[in-house]
Amino acid sequence: MRNYSLKSSLRLLAGIAVLSIYSTAGAAPASPAEIFGFEPGDDYKLASYEQMEVYYRQLAQESDRVQLREIGKTP
């Protein structure tokens, strides 16, 4: 009887661990195609500097894994 309750407890803990991982994952950030209006790598399509900057700033806002830092200014 004791082994059964131990197995049940371990299953419960494993289930809670899996659910907690998925609940903290959050929504995926916007894809480059959503920002640029075309898929990177498409023929005759190249993102401008301004489009890249917008994408990187949005990515930094939406994700806790990305940090955008200013390290200098171009004259």
PDB file of N, CA and C in Angstrom:
ATOM      1  N   MET A   1       0.826  -1.198   0.000  1.00  0.00           N
ATOM      2  CA  MET A   1       0.000   0.000   0.000  1.00  0.00           C
ATOM      3  C   MET A   1       0.868   1.259   0.000  1.00  0.00           C
ATOM      4  N   ARG A   2       1.964   1.223   0.706  1.00  0.00           N
ATOM      5  CA  ARG A   2       2.824   2.395   0.801  1.00  0.00           C
ATOM      6  C   ARG A   2       3.439   2.741  -0.558  1.00  0.00           C
ATOM      7  N   ASN A   3       3.849   1.753  -1.332  1.00  0.00           N
ATOM      8  CA  ASN A   3       4.415   2.003  -2.648  1.00  0.00           C
ATOM      9  C   ASN A   3       3.410   2.680  -3.564  1.00  0.00           C
ATOM     10  N   TYR A   4       2.160   2.313  -3.430  1.00  0.00           N
ATOM     11  CA  TYR A   4       1.135   2.914  -4.266  1.00  0.00           C
ATOM     12  C   TYR A   4       1.011   4.405  -3.976  1.00  0.00           C
ATOM     13  N   SER A   5       1.008   4.804  -2.724  1.00  0.00           N
ATOM     14  CA  SER A   5       0.883   6.225  -2.394  1.00  0.00           C
ATOM     15  C   SER A   5       2.146   6.989  -2.792  1.00  0.00           C
ATOM     16  N   LEU A   6       3.302   6.352  -2.722  1.00  0.00           N
ATOM     17  CA  LEU A   6       4.539   6.994  -3.152  1.00  0.00           C
ATOM     18  C   LEU A   6       4.517   7.219  -4.664  1.00  0.00           C
ATOM     19  N   LYS A   7       4.054   6.210  -5.408  1.00  0.00           N
ATOM     20  CA  LYS A   7       3.956   6.357  -6.859  1.00  0.00           C
ATOM     21  C   LYS A   7       2.965   7.459  -7.224  1.00  0.00           C
ATOM     22  N   SER A   8       1.851   7.511  -6.526  1.00  0.00           N
ATOM     23  CA  SER A   8       0.851   8.547  -6.793  1.00  0.00           C
ATOM     24  C   SER A   8       1.411   9.935  -6.498  1.00  0.00           C
ATOM     25  N   SER A   9       2.146  10.043  -5.411  1.00  0.00           N
ATOM     26  CA  SER A   9       2.742  11.328  -5.047  1.00  0.00           C
ATOM     27  C   SER A   9       3.768  11.771  -6.081  1.00  0.00           C
ATOM     28  N   LEU A  10       4.583  10.840  -6.555  1.00  0.00           N
ATOM     29  CA  LEU A  10       5.587  11.176  -7.561  1.00  0.00           C
ATOM     30  C   LEU A  10       4.937  11.592  -8.876  1.00  0.00           C
ATOM     31  N   ARG A  11       3.867  10.913  -9.244  1.00  0.00           N
ATOM     32  CA  ARG A  11       3.146  11.294 -10.462  1.00  0.00           C
ATOM     33  C   ARG A  11       2.542  12.690 -10.329  1.00  0.00           C
ATOM     34  N   LEU A  12       1.988  12.968  -9.171  1.00  0.00           N
ATOM     35  CA  LEU A  12       1.402  14.279  -8.928  1.00  0.00           C
ATOM     36  C   LEU A  12       2.472  15.368  -9.011  1.00  0.00           C
ATOM     37  N   LEU A  13       3.608  15.146  -8.385  1.00  0.00           N
ATOM     38  CA  LEU A  13       4.698  16.123  -8.428  1.00  0.00           C
ATOM     39  C   LEU A  13       5.228  16.318  -9.849  1.00  0.00           C
ATOM     40  N   ALA A  14       5.342  15.246 -10.599  1.00  0.00           N
ATOM     41  CA  ALA A  14       5.804  15.353 -11.987  1.00  0.00           C
ATOM     42  C   ALA A  14       4.802  16.151 -12.821  1.00  0.00           C
ATOM     43  N   GLY A  15       3.528  15.906 -12.605  1.00  0.00           N
ATOM     44  CA  GLY A  15       2.501  16.654 -13.332  1.00  0.00           C
ATOM     45  C   GLY A  15       2.527  18.135 -13.003  1.00  0.00           C
ATOM     46  N   ILE A  16       2.700  18.460 -11.739  1.00  0.00           N
ATOM     47  CA  ILE A  16       2.791  19.863 -11.331  1.00  0.00           C
ATOM     48  C   ILE A  16       4.017  20.525 -11.945  1.00  0.00           C
ATOM     49  N   ALA A  17       5.134  19.811 -11.971  1.00  0.00           N
ATOM     50  CA  ALA A  17       6.361  20.364 -12.558  1.00  0.00           C
ATOM     51  C   ALA A  17       6.173  20.662 -14.039  1.00  0.00           C
ATOM     52  N   VAL A  18       5.553  19.745 -14.759  1.00  0.00           N
ATOM     53  CA  VAL A  18       5.327  19.951 -16.194  1.00  0.00           C
ATOM     54  C   VAL A  18       4.394  21.133 -16.423  1.00  0.00           C
ATOM     55  N   LEU A  19       3.324  21.224 -15.661  1.00  0.00           N
ATOM     56  CA  LEU A  19       2.380  22.328 -15.823  1.00  0.00           C
ATOM     57  C   LEU A  19       3.009  23.670 -15.477  1.00  0.00           C
ATOM     58  N   SER A  20       3.869  23.705 -14.477  1.00  0.00           N
ATOM     59  CA  SER A  20       4.501  24.972 -14.112  1.00  0.00           C
ATOM     60  C   SER A  20       5.455  25.448 -15.198  1.00  0.00           C
ATOM     61  N   ILE A  21       6.102  24.526 -15.889  1.00  0.00           N
ATOM     62  CA  ILE A  21       6.993  24.907 -16.992  1.00  0.00           C
ATOM     63  C   ILE A  21       6.185  25.548 -18.109  1.00  0.00           C
ATOM     64  N   TYR A  22       5.055  24.961 -18.462  1.00  0.00           N
ATOM     65  CA  TYR A  22       4.240  25.495 -19.550  1.00  0.00           C
ATOM     66  C   TYR A  22       3.545  26.792 -19.169  1.00  0.00           C
ATOM     67  N   SER A  23       3.219  26.979 -17.910  1.00  0.00           N
ATOM     68  CA  SER A  23       2.518  28.201 -17.521  1.00  0.00           C
ATOM     69  C   SER A  23       3.446  29.404 -17.513  1.00  0.00           C
ATOM     70  N   THR A  24       4.751  29.212 -17.325  1.00  0.00           N
ATOM     71  CA  THR A  24       5.686  30.333 -17.316  1.00  0.00           C
ATOM     72  C   THR A  24       6.273  30.609 -18.685  1.00  0.00           C
ATOM     73  N   ALA A  25       5.967  29.783 -19.672  1.00  0.00           N
ATOM     74  CA  ALA A  25       6.552  29.954 -20.997  1.00  0.00           C
ATOM     75  C   ALA A  25       6.073  31.234 -21.671  1.00  0.00           C
ATOM     76  N   GLY A  26       4.818  31.582 -21.531  1.00  0.00           N
ATOM     77  CA  GLY A  26       4.297  32.802 -22.121  1.00  0.00           C
ATOM     78  C   GLY A  26       4.116  32.694 -23.622  1.00  0.00           C
ATOM     79  N   ALA A  27       3.674  33.774 -24.207  1.00  0.00           N
ATOM     80  CA  ALA A  27       3.433  33.797 -25.647  1.00  0.00           C
ATOM     81  C   ALA A  27       4.740  34.022 -26.397  1.00  0.00           C
ATOM     82  N   ALA A  28       4.773  33.524 -27.594  1.00  0.00           N
ATOM     83  CA  ALA A  28       5.966  33.689 -28.427  1.00  0.00           C
ATOM     84  C   ALA A  28       6.037  35.128 -28.934  1.00  0.00           C
ATOM     85  N   PRO A  29       7.229  35.697 -28.996  1.00  0.00           N
ATOM     86  CA  PRO A  29       7.361  37.052 -29.544  1.00  0.00           C
ATOM     87  C   PRO A  29       7.036  37.086 -31.036  1.00  0.00           C
ATOM     88  N   ALA A  30       6.827  38.270 -31.538  1.00  0.00           N
ATOM     89  CA  ALA A  30       6.484  38.440 -32.953  1.00  0.00           C
ATOM     90  C   ALA A  30       7.611  37.930 -33.840  1.00  0.00           C
ATOM     91  N   SER A  31       7.229  37.350 -34.955  1.00  0.00           N
ATOM     92  CA  SER A  31       8.229  36.854 -35.902  1.00  0.00           C
ATOM     93  C   SER A  31       8.723  38.015 -36.762  1.00  0.00           C
ATOM     94  N   PRO A  32       9.904  37.881 -37.354  1.00  0.00           N
ATOM     95  CA  PRO A  32      10.391  38.940 -38.242  1.00  0.00           C
ATOM     96  C   PRO A  32       9.425  39.219 -39.395  1.00  0.00           C
ATOM     97  N   ALA A  33       8.764  38.189 -39.908  1.00  0.00           N
ATOM     98  CA  ALA A  33       7.821  38.382 -41.013  1.00  0.00           C
ATOM     99  C   ALA A  33       6.649  39.268 -40.595  1.00  0.00           C
ATOM    100  N   GLU A  34       6.214  39.176 -39.349  1.00  0.00           N
ATOM    101  CA  GLU A  34       5.118  40.017 -38.868  1.00  0.00           C
ATOM    102  C   GLU A  34       5.539  41.481 -38.792  1.00  0.00           C
ATOM    103  N   ILE A  35       6.786  41.739 -38.507  1.00  0.00           N
ATOM    104  CA  ILE A  35       7.276  43.108 -38.387  1.00  0.00           C
ATOM    105  C   ILE A  35       7.653  43.682 -39.753  1.00  0.00           C
ATOM    106  N   PHE A  36       8.387  42.908 -40.542  1.00  0.00           N
ATOM    107  CA  PHE A  36       8.896  43.405 -41.821  1.00  0.00           C
ATOM    108  C   PHE A  36       7.846  43.400 -42.925  1.00  0.00           C
ATOM    109  N   GLY A  37       6.886  42.496 -42.842  1.00  0.00           N
ATOM    110  CA  GLY A  37       5.903  42.362 -43.909  1.00  0.00           C
ATOM    111  C   GLY A  37       6.331  41.378 -44.985  1.00  0.00           C
ATOM    112  N   PHE A  38       7.462  40.729 -44.787  1.00  0.00           N
ATOM    113  CA  PHE A  38       7.945  39.696 -45.702  1.00  0.00           C
ATOM    114  C   PHE A  38       8.842  38.755 -44.911  1.00  0.00           C
ATOM    115  N   GLU A  39       9.030  37.579 -45.448  1.00  0.00           N
ATOM    116  CA  GLU A  39       9.868  36.568 -44.799  1.00  0.00           C
ATOM    117  C   GLU A  39      11.342  36.889 -45.082  1.00  0.00           C
ATOM    118  N   PRO A  40      12.178  36.986 -44.041  1.00  0.00           N
ATOM    119  CA  PRO A  40      13.600  37.217 -44.299  1.00  0.00           C
ATOM    120  C   PRO A  40      14.160  36.119 -45.208  1.00  0.00           C
ATOM    121  N   GLY A  41      14.912  36.538 -46.211  1.00  0.00           N
ATOM    122  CA  GLY A  41      15.455  35.589 -47.172  1.00  0.00           C
ATOM    123  C   GLY A  41      14.662  35.517 -48.458  1.00  0.00           C
ATOM    124  N   ASP A  42      13.488  36.183 -48.498  1.00  0.00           N
ATOM    125  CA  ASP A  42      12.715  36.222 -49.743  1.00  0.00           C
ATOM    126  C   ASP A  42      13.516  36.942 -50.825  1.00  0.00           C
ATOM    127  N   ASP A  43      13.280  36.549 -52.066  1.00  0.00           N
ATOM    128  CA  ASP A  43      13.966  37.185 -53.196  1.00  0.00           C
ATOM    129  C   ASP A  43      13.641  38.673 -53.271  1.00  0.00           C
ATOM    130  N   TYR A  44      14.662  39.472 -53.461  1.00  0.00           N
ATOM    131  CA  TYR A  44      14.553  40.917 -53.661  1.00  0.00           C
ATOM    132  C   TYR A  44      13.958  41.640 -52.459  1.00  0.00           C
ATOM    133  N   LYS A  45      14.093  41.063 -51.284  1.00  0.00           N
ATOM    134  CA  LYS A  45      13.585  41.692 -50.065  1.00  0.00           C
ATOM    135  C   LYS A  45      14.728  41.807 -49.067  1.00  0.00           C
ATOM    136  N   LEU A  46      14.911  43.007 -48.549  1.00  0.00           N
ATOM    137  CA  LEU A  46      15.952  43.250 -47.567  1.00  0.00           C
ATOM    138  C   LEU A  46      15.405  44.233 -46.540  1.00  0.00           C
ATOM    139  N   ALA A  47      15.509  43.898 -45.269  1.00  0.00           N
ATOM    140  CA  ALA A  47      15.012  44.772 -44.214  1.00  0.00           C
ATOM    141  C   ALA A  47      15.933  45.979 -44.080  1.00  0.00           C
ATOM    142  N   SER A  48      15.333  47.138 -43.876  1.00  0.00           N
ATOM    143  CA  SER A  48      16.116  48.357 -43.681  1.00  0.00           C
ATOM    144  C   SER A  48      16.617  48.409 -42.240  1.00  0.00           C
ATOM    145  N   TYR A  49      17.517  49.333 -41.991  1.00  0.00           N
ATOM    146  CA  TYR A  49      18.027  49.518 -40.635  1.00  0.00           C
ATOM    147  C   TYR A  49      16.886  49.855 -39.684  1.00  0.00           C
ATOM    148  N   GLU A  50      15.979  50.717 -40.119  1.00  0.00           N
ATOM    149  CA  GLU A  50      14.858  51.127 -39.270  1.00  0.00           C
ATOM    150  C   GLU A  50      13.950  49.940 -38.941  1.00  0.00           C
ATOM    151  N   GLN A  51      13.697  49.077 -39.922  1.00  0.00           N
ATOM    152  CA  GLN A  51      12.877  47.888 -39.673  1.00  0.00           C
ATOM    153  C   GLN A  51      13.567  46.954 -38.681  1.00  0.00           C
ATOM    154  N   MET A  52      14.867  46.790 -38.832  1.00  0.00           N
ATOM    155  CA  MET A  52      15.609  45.930 -37.901  1.00  0.00           C
ATOM    156  C   MET A  52      15.568  46.499 -36.488  1.00  0.00           C
ATOM    157  N   GLU A  53      15.709  47.811 -36.375  1.00  0.00           N
ATOM    158  CA  GLU A  53      15.670  48.454 -35.062  1.00  0.00           C
ATOM    159  C   GLU A  53      14.307  48.260 -34.402  1.00  0.00           C
ATOM    160  N   VAL A  54      13.239  48.442 -35.173  1.00  0.00           N
ATOM    161  CA  VAL A  54      11.883  48.240 -34.650  1.00  0.00           C
ATOM    162  C   VAL A  54      11.720  46.803 -34.167  1.00  0.00           C
ATOM    163  N   TYR A  55      12.198  45.856 -34.963  1.00  0.00           N
ATOM    164  CA  TYR A  55      12.076  44.444 -34.590  1.00  0.00           C
ATOM    165  C   TYR A  55      12.842  44.145 -33.306  1.00  0.00           C
ATOM    166  N   TYR A  56      14.077  44.612 -33.204  1.00  0.00           N
ATOM    167  CA  TYR A  56      14.875  44.341 -32.007  1.00  0.00           C
ATOM    168  C   TYR A  56      14.283  45.003 -30.769  1.00  0.00           C
ATOM    169  N   ARG A  57      13.747  46.201 -30.910  1.00  0.00           N
ATOM    170  CA  ARG A  57      13.122  46.865 -29.759  1.00  0.00           C
ATOM    171  C   ARG A  57      11.868  46.109 -29.305  1.00  0.00           C
ATOM    172  N   GLN A  58      11.071  45.673 -30.260  1.00  0.00           N
ATOM    173  CA  GLN A  58       9.868  44.919 -29.905  1.00  0.00           C
ATOM    174  C   GLN A  58      10.236  43.581 -29.275  1.00  0.00           C
ATOM    175  N   LEU A  59      11.245  42.932 -29.794  1.00  0.00           N
ATOM    176  CA  LEU A  59      11.701  41.664 -29.242  1.00  0.00           C
ATOM    177  C   LEU A  59      12.181  41.844 -27.803  1.00  0.00           C
ATOM    178  N   ALA A  60      12.886  42.921 -27.525  1.00  0.00           N
ATOM    179  CA  ALA A  60      13.365  43.194 -26.169  1.00  0.00           C
ATOM    180  C   ALA A  60      12.205  43.454 -25.215  1.00  0.00           C
ATOM    181  N   GLN A  61      11.131  44.077 -25.699  1.00  0.00           N
ATOM    182  CA  GLN A  61       9.967  44.331 -24.852  1.00  0.00           C
ATOM    183  C   GLN A  61       9.182  43.062 -24.566  1.00  0.00           C
ATOM    184  N   GLU A  62       9.065  42.192 -25.556  1.00  0.00           N
ATOM    185  CA  GLU A  62       8.215  41.012 -25.428  1.00  0.00           C
ATOM    186  C   GLU A  62       8.895  39.842 -24.742  1.00  0.00           C
ATOM    187  N   SER A  63      10.204  39.813 -24.722  1.00  0.00           N
ATOM    188  CA  SER A  63      10.915  38.661 -24.187  1.00  0.00           C
ATOM    189  C   SER A  63      11.810  39.075 -23.030  1.00  0.00           C
ATOM    190  N   ASP A  64      11.819  38.258 -21.992  1.00  0.00           N
ATOM    191  CA  ASP A  64      12.726  38.529 -20.880  1.00  0.00           C
ATOM    192  C   ASP A  64      14.121  37.966 -21.152  1.00  0.00           C
ATOM    193  N   ARG A  65      14.297  37.312 -22.268  1.00  0.00           N
ATOM    194  CA  ARG A  65      15.595  36.737 -22.630  1.00  0.00           C
ATOM    195  C   ARG A  65      16.435  37.662 -23.500  1.00  0.00           C
ATOM    196  N   VAL A  66      15.852  38.771 -23.934  1.00  0.00           N
ATOM    197  CA  VAL A  66      16.556  39.697 -24.824  1.00  0.00           C
ATOM    198  C   VAL A  66      16.685  41.037 -24.124  1.00  0.00           C
ATOM    199  N   GLN A  67      17.893  41.579 -24.135  1.00  0.00           N
ATOM    200  CA  GLN A  67      18.138  42.910 -23.595  1.00  0.00           C
ATOM    201  C   GLN A  67      18.749  43.761 -24.693  1.00  0.00           C
ATOM    202  N   LEU A  68      18.228  44.957 -24.863  1.00  0.00           N
ATOM    203  CA  LEU A  68      18.744  45.878 -25.857  1.00  0.00           C
ATOM    204  C   LEU A  68      19.497  46.970 -25.116  1.00  0.00           C
ATOM    205  N   ARG A  69      20.777  47.120 -25.423  1.00  0.00           N
ATOM    206  CA  ARG A  69      21.605  48.114 -24.743  1.00  0.00           C
ATOM    207  C   ARG A  69      22.269  49.021 -25.765  1.00  0.00           C
ATOM    208  N   GLU A  70      22.319  50.296 -25.440  1.00  0.00           N
ATOM    209  CA  GLU A  70      23.028  51.242 -26.287  1.00  0.00           C
ATOM    210  C   GLU A  70      24.475  51.282 -25.814  1.00  0.00           C
ATOM    211  N   ILE A  71      25.392  51.015 -26.719  1.00  0.00           N
ATOM    212  CA  ILE A  71      26.805  50.979 -26.328  1.00  0.00           C
ATOM    213  C   ILE A  71      27.600  52.121 -26.945  1.00  0.00           C
ATOM    214  N   GLY A  72      26.945  52.946 -27.701  1.00  0.00           N
ATOM    215  CA  GLY A  72      27.618  54.089 -28.299  1.00  0.00           C
ATOM    216  C   GLY A  72      26.750  54.727 -29.357  1.00  0.00           C
ATOM    217  N   LYS A  73      27.183  55.888 -29.809  1.00  0.00           N
ATOM    218  CA  LYS A  73      26.442  56.605 -30.842  1.00  0.00           C
ATOM    219  C   LYS A  73      27.357  56.836 -32.025  1.00  0.00           C
ATOM    220  N   THR A  74      26.771  56.769 -33.199  1.00  0.00           N
ATOM    221  CA  THR A  74      27.502  57.054 -34.425  1.00  0.00           C
ATOM    222  C   THR A  74      27.428  58.554 -34.682  1.00  0.00           C
ATOM    223  N   PRO A  75      28.556  59.196 -35.000  1.00  0.00           N
ATOM    224  CA  PRO A  75      28.520  60.654 -35.220  1.00  0.00           C
ATOM    225  C   PRO A  75      27.696  61.028 -36.433  1.00  0.00           C
TER     226      PRO A  75
END
